[in-house]
């Protein structure tokens, strides 16, 4: 039998990415009974995690600064972070590191109510509160049953993240729950055994990476950005529930690249955004063209025995035509030309 026990070491902690280490410590504080919010990495104002606890009307809030260091943390950093207590009007500051602290840093911390967690103490805390494999926990990202904690089982809600709702869908033949927050979309599978029940995340999407979504007869298509556009398909019996949640996200992604038009054909997805057009084959391959490289559009093959198709005229030296086999070439032609004019 494979044990769920996991051996924590400094080397394992140093092997984590900085944001993974922050989320890991967020989990640790949650296990210790705190509420925890991992701040946005781009605007954390010197604070990596905010932890708080409230009992019988008495509350305490601490700012946590995380240092994934191999060398000891010095007095300069302790002095810098101790000021957060006064700036943010909180009860205290915690500095957690994979290494240790210099003697001067320890002295400075004792004078300003700064709590220090060095690498050896962190390892002991993790072994006590989180003895299971952290990779499995972090990758599952399953939702906690306790909605009041503002915590995701296996991870921590980001600063300002809040649940919007959930609905049942089918993903790759499995019945799952699609859950939306204002920052992420999760596809979650309920897993039951004789001894326990848990929820495992099969897929997660950052709202900032969402270009938009389209609704078919019984399917929802989530269109995601990246070097190459991708499409995630889910089947739903109650599409109105899912679309209501997704409508709440529109303002979160509409300001950047966003979906203008979408079509599912027999063999591929056709996707038009305000910046590019893509044909994504069901096999996984894809073709894309920037709107900046399109000189014009043309419809051909409208005879009695041939189906009309749309062609994009590119600015390549050979002036090649890119073929778009869609149900309504005229509407696609209009949409592409309109997107080009405002791009």
C-alpha atoms as a PDB file:
ATOM      1  CA  UNK A   1       0.000   0.000   0.000  1.00  0.00           C
ATOM      2  CA  UNK A   2       1.312   3.459  -0.935  1.00  0.00           C
ATOM      3  CA  UNK A   3       1.456   5.836   2.028  1.00  0.00           C
ATOM      4  CA  UNK A   4       0.102   9.392   1.822  1.00  0.00           C
ATOM      5  CA  UNK A   5       2.865  10.552   4.174  1.00  0.00           C
ATOM      6  CA  UNK A   6       5.326  12.948   2.600  1.00  0.00           C
ATOM      7  CA  UNK A   7       8.832  13.910   3.650  1.00  0.00           C
ATOM      8  CA  UNK A   8       9.407  17.655   3.708  1.00  0.00           C
ATOM      9  CA  UNK A   9      12.931  18.966   3.205  1.00  0.00           C
ATOM     10  CA  UNK A  10      14.553  22.332   2.612  1.00  0.00           C
ATOM     11  CA  UNK A  11      15.639  21.076  -0.818  1.00  0.00           C
ATOM     12  CA  UNK A  12      12.024  20.410  -1.795  1.00  0.00           C
ATOM     13  CA  UNK A  13      11.001  23.896  -0.699  1.00  0.00           C
ATOM     14  CA  UNK A  14      13.845  25.483  -2.659  1.00  0.00           C
ATOM     15  CA  UNK A  15      12.712  23.521  -5.714  1.00  0.00           C
ATOM     16  CA  UNK A  16       9.316  25.275  -5.750  1.00  0.00           C
ATOM     17  CA  UNK A  17       8.611  28.324  -7.879  1.00  0.00           C
ATOM     18  CA  UNK A  18       8.209  31.525  -5.784  1.00  0.00           C
ATOM     19  CA  UNK A  19       4.426  31.686  -6.277  1.00  0.00           C
ATOM     20  CA  UNK A  20       4.123  27.937  -5.472  1.00  0.00           C
ATOM     21  CA  UNK A  21       5.982  28.522  -2.223  1.00  0.00           C
ATOM     22  CA  UNK A  22       3.619  31.396  -1.370  1.00  0.00           C
ATOM     23  CA  UNK A  23       0.551  29.232  -2.038  1.00  0.00           C
ATOM     24  CA  UNK A  24       2.040  26.375  -0.034  1.00  0.00           C
ATOM     25  CA  UNK A  25       2.441  28.611   3.019  1.00  0.00           C
ATOM     26  CA  UNK A  26      -1.084  29.881   2.458  1.00  0.00           C
ATOM     27  CA  UNK A  27      -2.285  26.267   2.753  1.00  0.00           C
ATOM     28  CA  UNK A  28      -0.210  25.801   5.869  1.00  0.00           C
ATOM     29  CA  UNK A  29      -1.818  28.738   7.667  1.00  0.00           C
ATOM     30  CA  UNK A  30      -5.269  27.508   6.648  1.00  0.00           C
ATOM     31  CA  UNK A  31      -4.480  24.114   8.140  1.00  0.00           C
ATOM     32  CA  UNK A  32      -3.445  25.912  11.322  1.00  0.00           C
ATOM     33  CA  UNK A  33      -6.894  27.495  11.561  1.00  0.00           C
ATOM     34  CA  UNK A  34      -6.292  30.866   9.934  1.00  0.00           C
ATOM     35  CA  UNK A  35      -7.987  32.504   7.006  1.00  0.00           C
ATOM     36  CA  UNK A  36      -5.389  33.233   4.335  1.00  0.00           C
ATOM     37  CA  UNK A  37      -5.244  35.287   1.145  1.00  0.00           C
ATOM     38  CA  UNK A  38      -2.301  35.120  -1.228  1.00  0.00           C
ATOM     39  CA  UNK A  39      -1.878  38.594  -2.704  1.00  0.00           C
ATOM     40  CA  UNK A  40      -1.625  39.371  -6.414  1.00  0.00           C
ATOM     41  CA  UNK A  41       1.998  38.970  -7.404  1.00  0.00           C
ATOM     42  CA  UNK A  42       2.081  42.127  -9.494  1.00  0.00           C
ATOM     43  CA  UNK A  43       0.637  44.408  -6.808  1.00  0.00           C
ATOM     44  CA  UNK A  44       1.412  42.914  -3.413  1.00  0.00           C
ATOM     45  CA  UNK A  45       2.871  46.111  -1.844  1.00  0.00           C
ATOM     46  CA  UNK A  46       5.481  44.075  -0.009  1.00  0.00           C
ATOM     47  CA  UNK A  47       2.985  41.554   1.371  1.00  0.00           C
ATOM     48  CA  UNK A  48       2.811  37.988   0.050  1.00  0.00           C
ATOM     49  CA  UNK A  49       0.064  36.574   2.291  1.00  0.00           C
ATOM     50  CA  UNK A  50      -2.496  38.088   4.661  1.00  0.00           C
ATOM     51  CA  UNK A  51      -3.541  35.749   7.494  1.00  0.00           C
ATOM     52  CA  UNK A  52      -6.206  36.419  10.101  1.00  0.00           C
ATOM     53  CA  UNK A  53      -8.071  34.628  12.850  1.00  0.00           C
ATOM     54  CA  UNK A  54     -11.173  35.547  14.832  1.00  0.00           C
ATOM     55  CA  UNK A  55     -12.477  33.938  17.993  1.00  0.00           C
ATOM     56  CA  UNK A  56     -15.334  35.206  20.154  1.00  0.00           C
ATOM     57  CA  UNK A  57     -15.130  38.655  18.608  1.00  0.00           C
ATOM     58  CA  UNK A  58     -11.343  38.964  19.019  1.00  0.00           C
ATOM     59  CA  UNK A  59      -9.500  39.212  15.712  1.00  0.00           C
ATOM     60  CA  UNK A  60      -5.832  39.310  14.715  1.00  0.00           C
ATOM     61  CA  UNK A  61      -4.354  40.026  11.283  1.00  0.00           C
ATOM     62  CA  UNK A  62      -0.763  39.406  10.195  1.00  0.00           C
ATOM     63  CA  UNK A  63       1.153  40.228   7.032  1.00  0.00           C
ATOM     64  CA  UNK A  64       3.389  37.389   5.841  1.00  0.00           C
ATOM     65  CA  UNK A  65       6.495  37.994   3.760  1.00  0.00           C
ATOM     66  CA  UNK A  66       7.908  34.866   2.100  1.00  0.00           C
ATOM     67  CA  UNK A  67      11.606  34.461   1.277  1.00  0.00           C
ATOM     68  CA  UNK A  68      12.677  31.352  -0.660  1.00  0.00           C
ATOM     69  CA  UNK A  69      16.365  31.941   0.109  1.00  0.00           C
ATOM     70  CA  UNK A  70      19.459  29.793   0.443  1.00  0.00           C
ATOM     71  CA  UNK A  71      21.304  32.546   2.380  1.00  0.00           C
ATOM     72  CA  UNK A  72      20.197  33.939   5.780  1.00  0.00           C
ATOM     73  CA  UNK A  73      17.777  36.876   5.868  1.00  0.00           C
ATOM     74  CA  UNK A  74      19.497  40.004   7.200  1.00  0.00           C
ATOM     75  CA  UNK A  75      18.551  42.884   9.457  1.00  0.00           C
ATOM     76  CA  UNK A  76      17.857  45.230   6.538  1.00  0.00           C
ATOM     77  CA  UNK A  77      14.947  43.109   5.304  1.00  0.00           C
ATOM     78  CA  UNK A  78      13.528  42.596   8.802  1.00  0.00           C
ATOM     79  CA  UNK A  79      13.627  46.362   9.369  1.00  0.00           C
ATOM     80  CA  UNK A  80      11.956  46.987   6.017  1.00  0.00           C
ATOM     81  CA  UNK A  81       9.108  44.561   6.590  1.00  0.00           C
ATOM     82  CA  UNK A  82       8.544  45.510  10.225  1.00  0.00           C
ATOM     83  CA  UNK A  83       7.210  48.853   8.978  1.00  0.00           C
ATOM     84  CA  UNK A  84       4.284  47.029   7.319  1.00  0.00           C
ATOM     85  CA  UNK A  85       2.696  46.692  10.750  1.00  0.00           C
ATOM     86  CA  UNK A  86       2.324  50.443  11.044  1.00  0.00           C
ATOM     87  CA  UNK A  87       1.644  51.170   7.400  1.00  0.00           C
ATOM     88  CA  UNK A  88      -1.209  48.653   7.107  1.00  0.00           C
ATOM     89  CA  UNK A  89      -2.440  48.953  10.717  1.00  0.00           C
ATOM     90  CA  UNK A  90      -2.179  45.220  11.406  1.00  0.00           C
ATOM     91  CA  UNK A  91      -1.228  43.237  14.491  1.00  0.00           C
ATOM     92  CA  UNK A  92       2.125  41.989  13.337  1.00  0.00           C
ATOM     93  CA  UNK A  93       4.434  40.747  10.612  1.00  0.00           C
ATOM     94  CA  UNK A  94       5.674  37.236   9.888  1.00  0.00           C
ATOM     95  CA  UNK A  95       8.764  36.535   7.790  1.00  0.00           C
ATOM     96  CA  UNK A  96       9.074  32.955   6.569  1.00  0.00           C
ATOM     97  CA  UNK A  97      12.184  31.674   4.825  1.00  0.00           C
ATOM     98  CA  UNK A  98      13.728  28.441   3.649  1.00  0.00           C
ATOM     99  CA  UNK A  99      17.036  29.554   5.166  1.00  0.00           C
ATOM    100  CA  UNK A 100      17.642  31.285   8.509  1.00  0.00           C
ATOM    101  CA  UNK A 101      18.137  34.733  10.047  1.00  0.00           C
ATOM    102  CA  UNK A 102      21.269  36.572  11.109  1.00  0.00           C
ATOM    103  CA  UNK A 103      21.691  37.470  14.798  1.00  0.00           C
ATOM    104  CA  UNK A 104      21.099  41.142  14.038  1.00  0.00           C
ATOM    105  CA  UNK A 105      17.910  40.220  12.159  1.00  0.00           C
ATOM    106  CA  UNK A 106      16.655  38.204  15.139  1.00  0.00           C
ATOM    107  CA  UNK A 107      17.363  41.110  17.507  1.00  0.00           C
ATOM    108  CA  UNK A 108      15.567  43.577  15.235  1.00  0.00           C
ATOM    109  CA  UNK A 109      12.579  41.265  14.948  1.00  0.00           C
ATOM    110  CA  UNK A 110      12.228  40.922  18.728  1.00  0.00           C
ATOM    111  CA  UNK A 111      11.997  44.707  19.072  1.00  0.00           C
ATOM    112  CA  UNK A 112       9.225  45.176  16.490  1.00  0.00           C
ATOM    113  CA  UNK A 113       6.880  42.205  17.024  1.00  0.00           C
ATOM    114  CA  UNK A 114       8.107  40.443  13.890  1.00  0.00           C
ATOM    115  CA  UNK A 115       7.778  36.660  14.053  1.00  0.00           C
ATOM    116  CA  UNK A 116      10.470  34.664  12.276  1.00  0.00           C
ATOM    117  CA  UNK A 117       9.924  31.233  10.728  1.00  0.00           C
ATOM    118  CA  UNK A 118      13.181  29.694   9.539  1.00  0.00           C
ATOM    119  CA  UNK A 119      13.538  26.701   7.245  1.00  0.00           C
ATOM    120  CA  UNK A 120      13.861  24.042   9.954  1.00  0.00           C
ATOM    121  CA  UNK A 121      10.759  25.317  11.775  1.00  0.00           C
ATOM    122  CA  UNK A 122       8.789  25.465   8.501  1.00  0.00           C
ATOM    123  CA  UNK A 123       9.676  21.849   7.771  1.00  0.00           C
ATOM    124  CA  UNK A 124       8.406  20.792  11.213  1.00  0.00           C
ATOM    125  CA  UNK A 125       5.185  22.762  10.768  1.00  0.00           C
ATOM    126  CA  UNK A 126       4.587  21.272   7.316  1.00  0.00           C
ATOM    127  CA  UNK A 127       5.213  17.742   8.552  1.00  0.00           C
ATOM    128  CA  UNK A 128       2.708  18.278  11.364  1.00  0.00           C
ATOM    129  CA  UNK A 129      -0.082  20.085   9.491  1.00  0.00           C
ATOM    130  CA  UNK A 130       0.455  18.876   5.903  1.00  0.00           C
ATOM    131  CA  UNK A 131       1.894  15.342   5.936  1.00  0.00           C
ATOM    132  CA  UNK A 132       0.427  14.417   2.525  1.00  0.00           C
ATOM    133  CA  UNK A 133       2.040  14.860  -0.894  1.00  0.00           C
ATOM    134  CA  UNK A 134       1.848  18.625  -1.641  1.00  0.00           C
ATOM    135  CA  UNK A 135       2.056  18.176  -5.416  1.00  0.00           C
ATOM    136  CA  UNK A 136      -1.155  16.171  -5.375  1.00  0.00           C
ATOM    137  CA  UNK A 137      -2.805  18.734  -3.133  1.00  0.00           C
ATOM    138  CA  UNK A 138      -1.659  21.735  -5.137  1.00  0.00           C
ATOM    139  CA  UNK A 139      -2.654  20.243  -8.467  1.00  0.00           C
ATOM    140  CA  UNK A 140      -6.090  19.112  -7.298  1.00  0.00           C
ATOM    141  CA  UNK A 141      -7.255  22.632  -6.393  1.00  0.00           C
ATOM    142  CA  UNK A 142     -10.581  21.253  -5.221  1.00  0.00           C
ATOM    143  CA  UNK A 143     -13.137  23.537  -3.665  1.00  0.00           C
ATOM    144  CA  UNK A 144     -13.553  23.401   0.091  1.00  0.00           C
ATOM    145  CA  UNK A 145     -16.979  22.528   1.415  1.00  0.00           C
ATOM    146  CA  UNK A 146     -16.648  25.386   3.887  1.00  0.00           C
ATOM    147  CA  UNK A 147     -17.483  28.400   1.726  1.00  0.00           C
ATOM    148  CA  UNK A 148     -17.156  30.729   4.686  1.00  0.00           C
ATOM    149  CA  UNK A 149     -13.401  30.295   4.941  1.00  0.00           C
ATOM    150  CA  UNK A 150     -12.726  31.780   1.511  1.00  0.00           C
ATOM    151  CA  UNK A 151     -10.392  28.852   0.844  1.00  0.00           C
ATOM    152  CA  UNK A 152      -9.979  26.362  -1.980  1.00  0.00           C
ATOM    153  CA  UNK A 153      -9.069  22.893  -0.811  1.00  0.00           C
ATOM    154  CA  UNK A 154      -5.514  22.401  -2.021  1.00  0.00           C
ATOM    155  CA  UNK A 155      -5.011  26.127  -2.620  1.00  0.00           C
ATOM    156  CA  UNK A 156      -5.996  29.527  -1.300  1.00  0.00           C
ATOM    157  CA  UNK A 157      -8.277  32.108  -2.863  1.00  0.00           C
ATOM    158  CA  UNK A 158      -6.352  35.004  -4.310  1.00  0.00           C
ATOM    159  CA  UNK A 159      -6.779  38.472  -2.886  1.00  0.00           C
ATOM    160  CA  UNK A 160     -10.190  39.771  -3.928  1.00  0.00           C
ATOM    161  CA  UNK A 161     -11.298  36.402  -5.348  1.00  0.00           C
ATOM    162  CA  UNK A 162     -14.882  35.372  -4.644  1.00  0.00           C
ATOM    163  CA  UNK A 163     -17.146  32.506  -5.846  1.00  0.00           C
ATOM    164  CA  UNK A 164     -19.832  33.358  -8.407  1.00  0.00           C
ATOM    165  CA  UNK A 165     -21.636  30.027  -8.670  1.00  0.00           C
ATOM    166  CA  UNK A 166     -21.497  26.498 -10.019  1.00  0.00           C
ATOM    167  CA  UNK A 167     -23.401  24.192 -12.350  1.00  0.00           C
ATOM    168  CA  UNK A 168     -23.180  20.591 -13.524  1.00  0.00           C
ATOM    169  CA  UNK A 169     -21.587  19.860 -16.922  1.00  0.00           C
ATOM    170  CA  UNK A 170     -20.030  16.925 -18.754  1.00  0.00           C
ATOM    171  CA  UNK A 171     -16.328  17.093 -19.572  1.00  0.00           C
ATOM    172  CA  UNK A 172     -14.630  14.333 -21.590  1.00  0.00           C
ATOM    173  CA  UNK A 173     -17.517  12.012 -20.815  1.00  0.00           C
ATOM    174  CA  UNK A 174     -17.469  12.636 -17.057  1.00  0.00           C
ATOM    175  CA  UNK A 175     -20.042  14.422 -14.929  1.00  0.00           C
ATOM    176  CA  UNK A 176     -18.252  17.388 -13.283  1.00  0.00           C
ATOM    177  CA  UNK A 177     -19.024  20.691 -11.589  1.00  0.00           C
ATOM    178  CA  UNK A 178     -18.103  23.919 -13.360  1.00  0.00           C
ATOM    179  CA  UNK A 179     -17.376  26.517 -10.696  1.00  0.00           C
ATOM    180  CA  UNK A 180     -16.623  30.178 -11.407  1.00  0.00           C
ATOM    181  CA  UNK A 181     -14.919  32.771  -9.277  1.00  0.00           C
ATOM    182  CA  UNK A 182     -14.228  36.278 -10.465  1.00  0.00           C
ATOM    183  CA  UNK A 183     -10.658  35.193 -11.253  1.00  0.00           C
ATOM    184  CA  UNK A 184     -10.799  31.500 -12.240  1.00  0.00           C
ATOM    185  CA  UNK A 185     -12.994  28.808 -13.782  1.00  0.00           C
ATOM    186  CA  UNK A 186     -12.721  25.261 -12.399  1.00  0.00           C
ATOM    187  CA  UNK A 187     -13.960  21.901 -13.684  1.00  0.00           C
ATOM    188  CA  UNK A 188     -14.265  19.730 -10.577  1.00  0.00           C
ATOM    189  CA  UNK A 189     -14.965  16.032 -10.203  1.00  0.00           C
ATOM    190  CA  UNK A 190     -16.496  14.569  -7.048  1.00  0.00           C
ATOM    191  CA  UNK A 191     -14.591  11.448  -5.988  1.00  0.00           C
ATOM    192  CA  UNK A 192     -16.019   9.100  -3.370  1.00  0.00           C
ATOM    193  CA  UNK A 193     -14.523   6.071  -1.666  1.00  0.00           C
ATOM    194  CA  UNK A 194     -15.513   3.918   1.275  1.00  0.00           C
ATOM    195  CA  UNK A 195     -13.581   6.153   3.647  1.00  0.00           C
ATOM    196  CA  UNK A 196     -13.804   9.637   2.216  1.00  0.00           C
ATOM    197  CA  UNK A 197     -15.213  12.083  -0.258  1.00  0.00           C
ATOM    198  CA  UNK A 198     -13.166  14.710  -2.012  1.00  0.00           C
ATOM    199  CA  UNK A 199     -13.342  17.047  -4.994  1.00  0.00           C
ATOM    200  CA  UNK A 200     -10.577  16.985  -7.594  1.00  0.00           C
ATOM    201  CA  UNK A 201     -10.003  19.747 -10.114  1.00  0.00           C
ATOM    202  CA  UNK A 202      -9.605  18.379 -13.631  1.00  0.00           C
ATOM    203  CA  UNK A 203      -9.069  21.745 -15.299  1.00  0.00           C
ATOM    204  CA  UNK A 204      -8.671  25.378 -14.287  1.00  0.00           C
ATOM    205  CA  UNK A 205      -8.679  28.560 -16.351  1.00  0.00           C
ATOM    206  CA  UNK A 206      -7.496  32.008 -15.346  1.00  0.00           C
ATOM    207  CA  UNK A 207     -10.157  34.549 -16.303  1.00  0.00           C
ATOM    208  CA  UNK A 208      -7.390  36.819 -17.626  1.00  0.00           C
ATOM    209  CA  UNK A 209      -6.645  34.073 -20.201  1.00  0.00           C
ATOM    210  CA  UNK A 210     -10.285  33.776 -21.301  1.00  0.00           C
ATOM    211  CA  UNK A 211     -11.021  35.329 -24.693  1.00  0.00           C
ATOM    212  CA  UNK A 212     -14.698  34.549 -24.459  1.00  0.00           C
ATOM    213  CA  UNK A 213     -17.209  31.762 -24.802  1.00  0.00           C
ATOM    214  CA  UNK A 214     -19.796  30.521 -27.281  1.00  0.00           C
ATOM    215  CA  UNK A 215     -22.951  28.501 -26.765  1.00  0.00           C
ATOM    216  CA  UNK A 216     -24.073  25.678 -29.031  1.00  0.00           C
ATOM    217  CA  UNK A 217     -27.201  23.538 -28.865  1.00  0.00           C
ATOM    218  CA  UNK A 218     -25.939  21.493 -25.931  1.00  0.00           C
ATOM    219  CA  UNK A 219     -22.296  22.569 -25.667  1.00  0.00           C
ATOM    220  CA  UNK A 220     -20.401  25.489 -24.220  1.00  0.00           C
ATOM    221  CA  UNK A 221     -17.075  26.408 -25.788  1.00  0.00           C
ATOM    222  CA  UNK A 222     -14.535  28.286 -23.667  1.00  0.00           C
ATOM    223  CA  UNK A 223     -11.979  30.070 -25.866  1.00  0.00           C
ATOM    224  CA  UNK A 224      -8.598  30.717 -24.263  1.00  0.00           C
ATOM    225  CA  UNK A 225      -5.638  32.884 -25.192  1.00  0.00           C
ATOM    226  CA  UNK A 226      -2.013  31.909 -25.477  1.00  0.00           C
ATOM    227  CA  UNK A 227       0.632  31.682 -28.133  1.00  0.00           C
ATOM    228  CA  UNK A 228      -1.985  29.527 -29.828  1.00  0.00           C
ATOM    229  CA  UNK A 229      -5.723  29.873 -29.208  1.00  0.00           C
ATOM    230  CA  UNK A 230      -7.317  26.809 -27.604  1.00  0.00           C
ATOM    231  CA  UNK A 231     -10.943  25.758 -27.131  1.00  0.00           C
ATOM    232  CA  UNK A 232     -12.362  23.777 -24.214  1.00  0.00           C
ATOM    233  CA  UNK A 233     -15.720  22.052 -24.800  1.00  0.00           C
ATOM    234  CA  UNK A 234     -18.230  21.083 -22.111  1.00  0.00           C
ATOM    235  CA  UNK A 235     -21.727  19.682 -22.525  1.00  0.00           C
ATOM    236  CA  UNK A 236     -24.495  21.018 -20.330  1.00  0.00           C
ATOM    237  CA  UNK A 237     -28.169  20.236 -19.785  1.00  0.00           C
ATOM    238  CA  UNK A 238     -28.801  23.664 -18.278  1.00  0.00           C
ATOM    239  CA  UNK A 239     -26.799  26.099 -20.423  1.00  0.00           C
ATOM    240  CA  UNK A 240     -28.620  29.083 -18.956  1.00  0.00           C
ATOM    241  CA  UNK A 241     -26.979  28.449 -15.567  1.00  0.00           C
ATOM    242  CA  UNK A 242     -23.488  28.315 -17.022  1.00  0.00           C
ATOM    243  CA  UNK A 243     -23.973  31.315 -19.305  1.00  0.00           C
ATOM    244  CA  UNK A 244     -25.295  33.400 -16.424  1.00  0.00           C
ATOM    245  CA  UNK A 245     -22.040  32.789 -14.523  1.00  0.00           C
ATOM    246  CA  UNK A 246     -19.900  33.497 -17.573  1.00  0.00           C
ATOM    247  CA  UNK A 247     -21.743  36.751 -18.263  1.00  0.00           C
ATOM    248  CA  UNK A 248     -20.507  37.978 -14.876  1.00  0.00           C
ATOM    249  CA  UNK A 249     -16.927  37.567 -16.140  1.00  0.00           C
ATOM    250  CA  UNK A 250     -17.314  39.615 -19.311  1.00  0.00           C
ATOM    251  CA  UNK A 251     -15.896  42.834 -17.872  1.00  0.00           C
ATOM    252  CA  UNK A 252     -12.846  40.940 -16.625  1.00  0.00           C
ATOM    253  CA  UNK A 253     -11.595  39.988 -20.101  1.00  0.00           C
ATOM    254  CA  UNK A 254     -13.372  42.190 -22.660  1.00  0.00           C
ATOM    255  CA  UNK A 255     -10.833  45.031 -22.347  1.00  0.00           C
ATOM    256  CA  UNK A 256      -7.982  43.040 -23.932  1.00  0.00           C
ATOM    257  CA  UNK A 257      -8.057  40.480 -26.732  1.00  0.00           C
ATOM    258  CA  UNK A 258     -11.551  39.047 -26.847  1.00  0.00           C
ATOM    259  CA  UNK A 259     -13.795  36.809 -28.906  1.00  0.00           C
ATOM    260  CA  UNK A 260     -15.708  38.423 -31.781  1.00  0.00           C
ATOM    261  CA  UNK A 261     -17.141  35.404 -33.631  1.00  0.00           C
ATOM    262  CA  UNK A 262     -17.066  31.611 -33.253  1.00  0.00           C
ATOM    263  CA  UNK A 263     -18.207  28.582 -35.223  1.00  0.00           C
ATOM    264  CA  UNK A 264     -17.922  24.833 -34.715  1.00  0.00           C
ATOM    265  CA  UNK A 265     -17.787  22.934 -37.995  1.00  0.00           C
ATOM    266  CA  UNK A 266     -17.566  19.190 -38.543  1.00  0.00           C
ATOM    267  CA  UNK A 267     -13.773  19.151 -38.343  1.00  0.00           C
ATOM    268  CA  UNK A 268     -12.655  22.356 -36.665  1.00  0.00           C
ATOM    269  CA  UNK A 269     -13.359  25.473 -34.632  1.00  0.00           C
ATOM    270  CA  UNK A 270     -13.219  28.836 -36.355  1.00  0.00           C
ATOM    271  CA  UNK A 271     -12.329  31.660 -33.978  1.00  0.00           C
ATOM    272  CA  UNK A 272     -12.207  35.392 -34.658  1.00  0.00           C
ATOM    273  CA  UNK A 273     -10.888  37.796 -32.015  1.00  0.00           C
ATOM    274  CA  UNK A 274     -10.215  41.507 -32.274  1.00  0.00           C
ATOM    275  CA  UNK A 275      -6.569  40.636 -33.072  1.00  0.00           C
ATOM    276  CA  UNK A 276      -6.436  37.352 -35.008  1.00  0.00           C
ATOM    277  CA  UNK A 277      -8.379  34.595 -36.728  1.00  0.00           C
ATOM    278  CA  UNK A 278      -7.727  30.908 -36.117  1.00  0.00           C
ATOM    279  CA  UNK A 279      -8.788  27.529 -37.452  1.00  0.00           C
ATOM    280  CA  UNK A 280      -8.349  24.909 -34.740  1.00  0.00           C
ATOM    281  CA  UNK A 281      -8.686  21.350 -35.967  1.00  0.00           C
ATOM    282  CA  UNK A 282     -10.260  18.778 -33.686  1.00  0.00           C
ATOM    283  CA  UNK A 283      -7.040  16.786 -33.987  1.00  0.00           C
ATOM    284  CA  UNK A 284      -5.274  19.599 -32.132  1.00  0.00           C
ATOM    285  CA  UNK A 285      -3.410  21.326 -34.959  1.00  0.00           C
ATOM    286  CA  UNK A 286      -4.141  24.969 -35.664  1.00  0.00           C
ATOM    287  CA  UNK A 287      -3.647  27.750 -38.204  1.00  0.00           C
ATOM    288  CA  UNK A 288      -3.697  31.419 -37.219  1.00  0.00           C
ATOM    289  CA  UNK A 289      -3.384  34.767 -38.964  1.00  0.00           C
ATOM    290  CA  UNK A 290      -3.026  38.199 -37.421  1.00  0.00           C
ATOM    291  CA  UNK A 291      -5.637  40.705 -38.594  1.00  0.00           C
ATOM    292  CA  UNK A 292      -2.756  43.043 -39.388  1.00  0.00           C
ATOM    293  CA  UNK A 293      -1.648  40.625 -42.125  1.00  0.00           C
ATOM    294  CA  UNK A 294      -5.018  40.493 -43.899  1.00  0.00           C
ATOM    295  CA  UNK A 295      -5.307  42.780 -46.930  1.00  0.00           C
ATOM    296  CA  UNK A 296      -8.792  41.710 -47.942  1.00  0.00           C
ATOM    297  CA  UNK A 297     -11.453  39.009 -48.101  1.00  0.00           C
ATOM    298  CA  UNK A 298     -13.146  37.227 -50.983  1.00  0.00           C
ATOM    299  CA  UNK A 299     -15.997  34.699 -51.351  1.00  0.00           C
ATOM    300  CA  UNK A 300     -15.624  32.058 -54.063  1.00  0.00           C
ATOM    301  CA  UNK A 301     -17.479  28.978 -55.298  1.00  0.00           C
ATOM    302  CA  UNK A 302     -21.084  30.077 -55.080  1.00  0.00           C
ATOM    303  CA  UNK A 303     -22.293  27.925 -57.979  1.00  0.00           C
ATOM    304  CA  UNK A 304     -25.130  25.399 -57.884  1.00  0.00           C
ATOM    305  CA  UNK A 305     -22.804  22.432 -57.417  1.00  0.00           C
ATOM    306  CA  UNK A 306     -20.189  24.025 -55.172  1.00  0.00           C
ATOM    307  CA  UNK A 307     -20.323  25.438 -51.687  1.00  0.00           C
ATOM    308  CA  UNK A 308     -19.130  29.003 -51.304  1.00  0.00           C
ATOM    309  CA  UNK A 309     -16.016  29.537 -49.186  1.00  0.00           C
ATOM    310  CA  UNK A 310     -14.311  32.555 -47.714  1.00  0.00           C
ATOM    311  CA  UNK A 311     -10.691  33.357 -48.557  1.00  0.00           C
ATOM    312  CA  UNK A 312      -8.371  35.727 -46.739  1.00  0.00           C
ATOM    313  CA  UNK A 313      -5.908  37.683 -48.841  1.00  0.00           C
ATOM    314  CA  UNK A 314      -2.626  37.936 -46.954  1.00  0.00           C
ATOM    315  CA  UNK A 315       0.287  40.314 -47.367  1.00  0.00           C
ATOM    316  CA  UNK A 316       2.824  37.561 -47.993  1.00  0.00           C
ATOM    317  CA  UNK A 317       5.061  37.922 -51.047  1.00  0.00           C
ATOM    318  CA  UNK A 318       3.195  35.134 -52.788  1.00  0.00           C
ATOM    319  CA  UNK A 319      -0.118  36.790 -51.813  1.00  0.00           C
ATOM    320  CA  UNK A 320      -1.636  33.451 -50.806  1.00  0.00           C
ATOM    321  CA  UNK A 321      -5.280  32.922 -49.946  1.00  0.00           C
ATOM    322  CA  UNK A 322      -6.260  31.312 -46.643  1.00  0.00           C
ATOM    323  CA  UNK A 323      -9.445  29.291 -46.974  1.00  0.00           C
ATOM    324  CA  UNK A 324     -12.251  29.494 -44.370  1.00  0.00           C
ATOM    325  CA  UNK A 325     -14.925  26.806 -44.826  1.00  0.00           C
ATOM    326  CA  UNK A 326     -17.808  28.182 -42.737  1.00  0.00           C
ATOM    327  CA  UNK A 327     -21.592  27.946 -42.787  1.00  0.00           C
ATOM    328  CA  UNK A 328     -22.181  31.620 -43.635  1.00  0.00           C
ATOM    329  CA  UNK A 329     -19.186  33.125 -45.482  1.00  0.00           C
ATOM    330  CA  UNK A 330     -20.930  36.503 -45.897  1.00  0.00           C
ATOM    331  CA  UNK A 331     -21.378  37.016 -42.143  1.00  0.00           C
ATOM    332  CA  UNK A 332     -17.778  35.989 -41.495  1.00  0.00           C
ATOM    333  CA  UNK A 333     -16.559  38.348 -44.213  1.00  0.00           C
ATOM    334  CA  UNK A 334     -18.425  41.235 -42.568  1.00  0.00           C
ATOM    335  CA  UNK A 335     -17.166  40.332 -39.080  1.00  0.00           C
ATOM    336  CA  UNK A 336     -13.533  40.042 -40.201  1.00  0.00           C
ATOM    337  CA  UNK A 337     -13.595  43.320 -42.088  1.00  0.00           C
ATOM    338  CA  UNK A 338     -15.212  45.083 -39.141  1.00  0.00           C
ATOM    339  CA  UNK A 339     -12.552  43.687 -36.774  1.00  0.00           C
ATOM    340  CA  UNK A 340      -9.770  44.806 -39.141  1.00  0.00           C
ATOM    341  CA  UNK A 341     -11.118  48.364 -39.262  1.00  0.00           C
ATOM    342  CA  UNK A 342     -10.931  48.785 -35.476  1.00  0.00           C
ATOM    343  CA  UNK A 343      -7.777  46.740 -34.836  1.00  0.00           C
END
